[in-house]
Amino acid sequence: QVRLVESEGGWLQPGGSLRLSCVASDGIATANAMGWSRRDPGKQRELVAGISSGSITDYADSVKGRFTISRDNAQNTMYLQMNSLKPEDTAVYYCYVQASVGAPWDWGEGTQVTVSS
């Protein structure tokens, strides 16, 4: 099981930016899939961004053009750069890693991001 620790979120005004990080306990260089998900109370969990072992990225339509996912294999760290934040981005953000094909997804504890004026 890979342990994941997200950086602290925060409260931001609309239009602001924040970079989340996710540090993994094990090497992520060969992870099959990694990414970020979010959940706001009363809503379904949404997969926000994903990055494959070949660094192919994918984004939810709601964040395309505003969020960027990246990884630093040497630091066992994944990032989510969030720009032009909107109130509807308010949620608890979770990072996940799937170590290999067919393996269960390991999740971080989550970090709260609140966007409000």
Protein backbone atom coordinates (compact mmCIF):
# COMPACT_ATOMS: atom_id res chain seq x y z
CA GLN A 1 0.00 0.00 0.00
CA VAL A 2 1.30 3.44 -0.93
CA ARG A 3 0.83 6.14 1.70
CA LEU A 4 -0.02 9.53 0.32
CA VAL A 5 0.08 12.90 2.05
CA GLU A 6 -1.46 15.98 0.47
CA SER A 7 -0.28 19.48 1.20
CA GLU A 8 -2.50 21.88 3.06
CA GLY A 9 -5.28 23.48 1.06
CA GLY A 10 -6.74 26.78 2.02
CA TRP A 11 -9.21 29.55 1.47
CA LEU A 12 -8.85 31.59 -1.70
CA GLN A 13 -10.77 34.27 -3.49
CA PRO A 14 -12.22 33.61 -6.94
CA GLY A 15 -9.56 33.98 -9.59
CA GLY A 16 -6.81 32.88 -7.23
CA SER A 17 -4.25 30.11 -7.65
CA LEU A 18 -3.03 27.27 -5.49
CA ARG A 19 -0.66 24.38 -6.00
CA LEU A 20 -1.39 21.15 -4.17
CA SER A 21 1.27 18.52 -3.71
CA CYS A 22 0.99 14.83 -2.90
CA VAL A 23 4.00 12.99 -1.50
CA ALA A 24 4.07 9.22 -1.87
CA SER A 25 5.78 6.78 0.47
CA ASP A 26 6.97 4.61 -2.41
CA GLY A 27 8.40 5.28 -5.80
CA ILE A 28 5.85 6.56 -8.26
CA ALA A 29 8.00 6.28 -11.36
CA THR A 30 6.34 3.02 -12.35
CA ALA A 31 2.86 3.72 -11.01
CA ASN A 32 0.20 2.73 -13.49
CA ALA A 33 -1.94 5.77 -12.80
CA MET A 34 -2.01 8.77 -10.52
CA GLY A 35 -4.29 11.70 -10.13
CA TRP A 36 -6.56 13.94 -8.15
CA SER A 37 -10.18 13.66 -7.23
CA ARG A 38 -12.46 16.00 -5.31
CA ARG A 39 -15.69 15.78 -3.37
CA ASP A 40 -17.98 18.52 -2.21
CA PRO A 41 -20.68 17.61 0.34
CA GLY A 42 -23.87 16.68 -1.42
CA LYS A 43 -22.11 16.00 -4.71
CA GLN A 44 -20.55 12.97 -6.27
CA ARG A 45 -16.83 12.51 -6.26
CA GLU A 46 -15.27 13.91 -9.40
CA LEU A 47 -12.04 12.78 -10.99
CA VAL A 48 -10.31 16.07 -11.64
CA ALA A 49 -7.04 15.12 -13.31
CA GLY A 50 -5.00 12.04 -14.05
CA ILE A 51 -1.52 11.27 -15.27
CA SER A 52 -0.31 7.95 -16.60
CA SER A 53 3.04 6.24 -16.26
CA GLY A 54 3.88 7.74 -19.65
CA SER A 55 2.89 11.19 -18.36
CA ILE A 56 -0.21 11.34 -20.51
CA THR A 57 -2.63 13.69 -18.77
CA ASP A 58 -6.39 13.88 -18.69
CA TYR A 59 -8.72 16.43 -17.13
CA ALA A 60 -12.35 16.82 -16.25
CA ASP A 61 -14.10 19.28 -18.53
CA SER A 62 -14.80 21.48 -15.55
CA VAL A 63 -11.08 22.18 -15.00
CA LYS A 64 -9.57 21.99 -18.47
CA GLY A 65 -7.42 24.99 -19.21
CA ARG A 66 -7.25 25.96 -15.53
CA PHE A 67 -5.68 22.99 -13.74
CA THR A 68 -2.40 21.25 -14.55
CA ILE A 69 -1.24 17.94 -13.15
CA SER A 70 2.43 17.02 -13.04
CA ARG A 71 4.75 14.58 -11.33
CA ASP A 72 8.32 14.54 -10.07
CA ASN A 73 9.38 10.90 -9.93
CA ALA A 74 12.66 11.71 -8.20
CA GLN A 75 10.78 13.37 -5.34
CA ASN A 76 7.90 10.85 -5.33
CA THR A 77 5.61 13.85 -5.61
CA MET A 78 2.63 14.75 -7.72
CA TYR A 79 1.26 18.26 -8.12
CA LEU A 80 -1.97 19.93 -9.06
CA GLN A 81 -1.62 23.54 -10.13
CA MET A 82 -5.00 25.24 -9.90
CA ASN A 83 -5.49 28.61 -11.56
CA SER A 84 -8.50 30.86 -12.09
CA LEU A 85 -10.24 29.21 -9.19
CA LYS A 86 -14.02 29.39 -9.00
CA PRO A 87 -16.43 28.92 -6.08
CA GLU A 88 -17.51 25.64 -7.64
CA ASP A 89 -13.97 24.33 -7.18
CA THR A 90 -14.61 24.27 -3.44
CA ALA A 91 -14.17 20.68 -2.27
CA VAL A 92 -11.96 18.25 -0.44
CA TYR A 93 -9.19 17.22 -2.82
CA TYR A 94 -7.70 13.73 -2.69
CA CYS A 95 -4.71 12.34 -4.52
CA TYR A 96 -4.60 8.71 -5.58
CA VAL A 97 -2.08 6.24 -6.93
CA GLN A 98 -2.58 2.90 -8.61
CA ALA A 99 0.74 1.13 -8.25
CA SER A 100 0.17 -1.38 -11.05
CA VAL A 101 -2.52 -2.52 -13.43
CA GLY A 102 -5.36 -4.10 -11.50
CA ALA A 103 -4.07 -2.96 -8.13
CA PRO A 104 -6.40 -1.07 -5.80
CA TRP A 105 -6.17 2.67 -5.71
CA ASP A 106 -4.46 4.16 -2.67
CA TRP A 107 -5.81 7.49 -1.45
CA GLY A 108 -4.57 10.39 0.58
CA GLU A 109 -6.48 11.81 3.54
CA GLY A 110 -7.73 14.80 1.58
CA THR A 111 -7.24 18.53 1.87
CA GLN A 112 -9.92 21.23 1.92
CA VAL A 113 -9.91 23.94 -0.72
CA THR A 114 -12.45 26.73 -0.33
CA VAL A 115 -13.00 29.39 -2.97
CA SER A 116 -15.15 32.26 -1.80
CA SER A 117 -15.23 36.02 -1.75
